[in-house]
Protein backbone atom coordinates (compact mmCIF):
# COMPACT_ATOMS: atom_id res chain seq x y z
CA MET A 1 164.00 194.16 -66.73
CA LEU A 2 167.79 194.25 -67.09
CA TRP A 3 168.44 193.46 -70.74
CA PRO A 4 171.80 191.65 -71.01
CA GLY A 5 173.14 193.56 -74.02
CA SER A 6 172.21 196.92 -72.52
CA VAL A 7 173.85 196.07 -69.20
CA LEU A 8 177.03 194.71 -70.76
CA GLY A 9 177.18 197.62 -73.21
CA GLY A 10 176.80 200.13 -70.40
CA LEU A 11 179.52 198.47 -68.36
CA ALA A 12 181.86 198.37 -71.34
CA GLY A 13 181.15 202.04 -72.09
CA PHE A 14 181.89 202.99 -68.49
CA ALA A 15 185.17 201.07 -68.55
CA VAL A 16 186.28 202.84 -71.72
CA ALA A 17 184.94 206.37 -71.31
CA GLY A 18 183.47 206.67 -67.83
CA LEU A 19 179.97 208.06 -67.34
CA PRO A 20 179.66 209.53 -70.87
CA GLY A 21 180.36 206.09 -72.30
CA VAL A 22 177.53 204.46 -70.35
CA LEU A 23 174.85 206.00 -72.57
CA LEU A 24 176.51 205.08 -75.85
CA GLY A 25 177.37 201.59 -74.65
CA GLY A 26 173.85 201.06 -73.35
CA LEU A 27 172.33 202.15 -76.68
CA CYS A 28 174.60 199.80 -78.59
CA GLY A 29 173.75 196.99 -76.21
CA HIS A 30 170.03 197.68 -76.56
CA TRP A 31 170.36 197.41 -80.34
CA LEU A 32 172.07 194.05 -79.82
CA ASP A 33 169.25 192.87 -77.55
CA ARG A 34 166.68 193.68 -80.24
CA ARG A 35 168.80 192.25 -83.02
CA LEU A 36 169.29 188.92 -81.24
CA GLN A 37 165.80 188.99 -79.63
CA LEU A 38 167.19 188.51 -76.14
CA GLN A 39 164.64 188.63 -73.31
CA GLY A 40 167.05 188.01 -70.46
CA TRP A 41 170.22 186.37 -69.28
CA ALA A 42 168.91 182.87 -69.95
CA ASP A 43 168.48 183.72 -73.63
CA LEU A 44 172.00 185.12 -73.76
CA ARG A 45 173.45 181.97 -72.20
CA GLU A 46 171.59 179.86 -74.77
CA ARG A 47 172.94 181.97 -77.63
CA LEU A 48 176.49 181.84 -76.31
CA ALA A 49 176.17 178.08 -75.95
CA GLY A 50 175.52 177.92 -79.68
CA GLN A 51 172.00 176.56 -79.46
CA GLY A 52 170.09 176.70 -82.74
CA GLU A 53 166.85 178.43 -83.60
CA GLY A 54 164.91 175.20 -83.15
CA VAL A 55 166.01 174.85 -79.53
CA LEU A 56 165.12 178.49 -78.84
CA ASP A 57 161.68 177.94 -80.37
CA ALA A 58 161.20 174.89 -78.15
CA MET A 59 162.28 176.77 -75.01
CA GLN A 60 159.90 179.62 -75.81
CA LEU A 61 157.08 177.12 -76.37
CA MET A 62 157.71 175.57 -72.94
CA GLN A 63 157.56 179.04 -71.36
CA LEU A 64 154.18 179.67 -72.99
CA LEU A 65 152.92 176.29 -71.81
CA GLY A 66 154.02 177.16 -68.28
CA ARG A 67 152.12 180.43 -68.39
CA LEU A 68 149.01 178.60 -69.58
CA ALA A 69 149.35 175.87 -66.95
CA ALA A 70 149.46 178.49 -64.19
CA VAL A 71 145.78 179.36 -64.69
CA ASN A 72 144.72 175.80 -63.81
CA PRO A 73 147.00 174.59 -60.97
CA ALA A 74 144.57 171.81 -60.00
CA GLN A 75 145.86 169.75 -62.97
CA ALA A 76 149.56 170.04 -62.07
CA VAL A 77 150.26 166.29 -62.30
CA ALA A 78 148.61 165.91 -65.70
CA GLN A 79 150.33 169.10 -66.88
CA ARG A 80 153.73 167.67 -65.96
CA ARG A 81 152.99 164.56 -68.03
CA GLN A 82 151.91 166.74 -70.94
CA LEU A 83 155.10 168.77 -70.58
CA ARG A 84 157.18 165.60 -71.03
CA HIS A 85 155.25 164.76 -74.21
CA ALA A 86 155.71 168.32 -75.53
CA ALA A 87 159.44 168.19 -74.82
CA GLN A 88 159.74 164.89 -76.69
CA ARG A 89 157.89 166.30 -79.71
CA ALA A 90 160.19 169.35 -79.72
CA GLY A 91 163.34 167.25 -79.26
CA LEU A 92 164.21 169.12 -76.06
CA ALA A 93 165.80 167.68 -72.93
CA GLU A 94 163.26 167.35 -70.13
CA ALA A 95 165.41 169.33 -67.67
CA ALA A 96 165.66 172.28 -70.09
CA ALA A 97 161.93 172.06 -70.84
CA LEU A 98 161.10 172.11 -67.14
CA LEU A 99 163.32 175.15 -66.57
CA ALA A 100 161.52 177.17 -69.27
CA PHE A 101 158.12 175.83 -68.17
CA GLU A 102 158.68 176.99 -64.59
CA ARG A 103 159.83 180.38 -65.86
CA GLY A 104 156.47 180.81 -67.56
CA ARG A 105 154.48 179.36 -64.67
CA ARG A 106 156.05 181.87 -62.28
CA GLY A 107 154.83 184.74 -64.43
CA ALA A 108 157.63 185.60 -66.88
CA SER A 109 156.29 187.89 -69.60
CA VAL A 110 155.12 186.15 -72.76
CA GLU A 111 154.27 189.27 -74.78
CA PRO A 112 157.66 189.33 -76.59
CA LEU A 113 157.19 185.68 -77.55
CA LEU A 114 153.75 186.38 -78.99
CA ARG A 115 155.06 189.35 -80.95
CA ARG A 116 157.66 187.11 -82.61
CA LEU A 117 155.12 184.39 -83.34
CA ARG A 118 152.79 186.84 -85.07
CA GLN A 119 155.30 187.01 -87.93
CA ARG A 120 155.34 183.21 -88.28
CA PRO A 121 151.80 181.85 -88.89
CA ALA A 122 152.94 178.25 -89.41
CA ARG A 123 154.84 178.27 -86.12
CA SER A 124 151.89 179.97 -84.41
CA ASP A 125 149.63 177.05 -85.37
CA THR A 126 152.13 174.57 -83.92
CA VAL A 127 152.32 176.54 -80.67
CA LEU A 128 148.54 176.90 -80.33
CA ARG A 129 148.01 173.18 -80.91
CA ALA A 130 150.54 172.41 -78.18
CA ALA A 131 148.82 174.96 -75.95
CA TRP A 132 145.46 173.26 -76.49
CA ARG A 133 146.96 169.92 -75.46
CA MET A 134 148.25 171.55 -72.29
CA ALA A 135 144.91 173.26 -71.64
CA TRP A 136 143.17 169.87 -71.87
CA ALA A 137 145.69 168.09 -69.60
CA GLY A 138 143.68 165.96 -67.20
CA ASP A 139 140.77 165.84 -69.70
CA CYS A 140 139.45 169.14 -68.38
CA CYS A 141 139.90 172.55 -70.01
CA ALA A 142 139.44 175.33 -67.45
CA PRO A 143 137.44 178.39 -68.62
CA ALA A 144 140.38 180.60 -67.66
CA ALA A 145 142.69 178.59 -69.91
CA ARG A 146 140.24 178.83 -72.80
CA ALA A 147 139.90 182.58 -72.29
CA LEU A 148 143.67 183.05 -72.17
CA LEU A 149 144.10 181.08 -75.40
CA ALA A 150 141.46 183.28 -77.04
CA VAL A 151 143.48 186.33 -76.01
CA TRP A 152 146.71 184.83 -77.39
CA ALA A 153 144.97 183.90 -80.64
CA ALA A 154 143.71 187.46 -81.07
CA GLU A 155 147.23 188.81 -80.54
CA LEU A 156 148.51 186.37 -83.16
CA GLY A 157 145.85 187.38 -85.67
CA CYS A 158 144.15 183.99 -85.41
CA SER A 159 140.36 183.95 -85.86
CA ALA A 160 138.04 182.19 -83.40
CA GLU A 161 137.10 179.69 -86.12
CA HIS A 162 140.75 178.84 -86.83
CA LEU A 163 141.45 178.53 -83.11
CA ALA A 164 138.57 176.04 -82.84
CA ARG A 165 140.02 174.02 -85.72
CA LEU A 166 143.40 173.92 -84.00
CA GLU A 167 141.72 172.66 -80.81
CA CYS A 168 140.11 169.80 -82.72
CA GLN A 169 143.39 168.99 -84.47
CA ALA A 170 145.21 168.93 -81.13
CA LEU A 171 142.63 166.59 -79.63
CA GLY A 172 142.33 164.42 -82.75
CA ARG A 173 138.63 164.96 -83.32
CA LEU A 174 136.40 166.41 -86.01
CA LEU A 175 135.13 169.96 -85.76
CA PRO A 176 131.43 169.77 -84.88
CA ALA A 177 128.97 171.67 -87.03
CA PRO A 178 127.73 174.79 -85.25
CA GLN A 179 124.27 174.41 -83.78
CA ALA A 180 122.09 177.32 -82.75
CA ASP A 181 120.52 175.35 -79.90
CA ASP A 182 123.94 174.55 -78.44
CA GLU A 183 124.87 178.23 -78.54
CA TYR A 184 121.56 179.13 -76.88
CA ARG A 185 122.05 176.59 -74.09
CA ALA A 186 125.63 177.80 -73.60
CA ALA A 187 124.36 181.39 -73.29
CA LEU A 188 121.83 180.31 -70.65
CA ARG A 189 124.53 178.51 -68.66
CA LEU A 190 126.91 181.46 -68.87
CA LEU A 191 124.30 183.83 -67.45
CA GLY A 192 123.05 181.27 -64.93
CA VAL A 193 119.41 181.37 -66.08
CA ASP A 194 116.85 178.98 -67.59
CA ALA A 195 114.80 179.22 -70.74
CA ASP A 196 111.69 180.01 -68.68
CA THR A 197 113.37 182.65 -66.49
CA PRO A 198 111.38 185.92 -66.60
CA PRO A 199 112.90 188.58 -68.87
CA ALA A 200 113.50 190.98 -65.99
CA ALA A 201 115.46 188.29 -64.11
CA MET A 202 117.53 187.52 -67.23
CA ARG A 203 118.41 191.19 -67.58
CA GLN A 204 119.28 191.42 -63.88
CA ALA A 205 121.52 188.33 -64.10
CA TYR A 206 123.39 189.79 -67.06
CA ARG A 207 123.90 193.16 -65.38
CA ARG A 208 125.08 191.52 -62.17
CA LEU A 209 127.66 189.36 -63.97
CA ARG A 210 128.77 192.22 -66.20
CA SER A 211 129.42 194.36 -63.13
CA ARG A 212 131.24 191.55 -61.31
CA HIS A 213 133.56 190.67 -64.20
CA HIS A 214 134.11 194.09 -65.75
CA PRO A 215 137.83 194.80 -66.38
CA ASP A 216 137.55 198.12 -64.53
CA LYS A 217 137.06 196.13 -61.31
CA LEU A 218 140.67 194.93 -61.52
CA GLY A 219 142.21 198.40 -61.33
CA ARG A 220 145.91 198.19 -62.20
CA ALA A 221 146.03 194.42 -62.63
CA ASP A 222 148.59 192.80 -64.91
CA PRO A 223 147.75 192.90 -68.66
CA GLU A 224 146.94 189.20 -68.90
CA ARG A 225 144.34 189.33 -66.12
CA LEU A 226 142.81 192.38 -67.77
CA ALA A 227 142.75 190.57 -71.11
CA VAL A 228 141.02 187.53 -69.58
CA ALA A 229 138.43 189.80 -67.89
CA THR A 230 137.85 191.63 -71.18
CA GLU A 231 137.30 188.35 -73.02
CA HIS A 232 134.86 187.15 -70.34
CA SER A 233 132.94 190.43 -70.56
CA ARG A 234 132.74 190.02 -74.33
CA ARG A 235 131.31 186.50 -73.93
CA LEU A 236 128.73 187.77 -71.45
CA ARG A 237 127.67 190.48 -73.87
CA ALA A 238 127.39 188.00 -76.75
CA ALA A 239 125.31 185.64 -74.58
CA TRP A 240 122.98 188.47 -73.57
CA GLU A 241 122.51 189.57 -77.20
CA LEU A 242 121.61 186.00 -78.17
CA LEU A 243 119.02 185.75 -75.39
CA ARG A 244 117.59 189.15 -76.29
CA GLU A 245 117.12 188.03 -79.87
CA ARG A 246 115.67 184.62 -78.95
CA HIS A 247 113.23 186.03 -76.37
CA ASP A 248 112.53 189.28 -78.22
CA LEU A 249 113.67 191.34 -75.23
CA ARG A 250 113.83 195.12 -75.46
């Protein structure tokens, strides 16, 4: 990525002192990038335009929502409606919101945004609630969207229980009490088996799914795909441990 401060600093250094000045100018520009938290030229334009911190927060939120929406393209129409609602809540013009949303949907990195949010728990909750509303656009939350939100929550230091509470808050419903039978049925569905499936077949189903979804199968995939695969593997392992305990499997 061409960081704006680094590029401009390097060019200024070259103009003043030729090639030796490029290094010093680039280092100064890189410090400026980090100081102002600039990810690219769009951020620089926003800063130069005098936009406040609230607008930058809103633009970054729209980029995260775009990244989340990309994992469930079948709900594009409902996602666009949800984007309009999110922009209204944030007080952001729809055209600006759409620009940032498309940036995220096309794969712009969100890791720097998550790193900043980790230092702001209250803002993180607001973002995760908005993300849940986007994930449920069209009244259907795709497993990939749920897995990606679990990854983001882990990076933000948010527990699974707190993430579940934020989901209920976003959807305006009460958090259901945990039920062992529900967890057991969910484990059966995840492994694609029934309660009366022979133990050997249960073990075979788990091993087959574990092999199919193991992160090592992706090779040098992008970090987010690896994170989703890792989360899915963790869920498979948890489901298998629950079935082992319930059926007293060795």
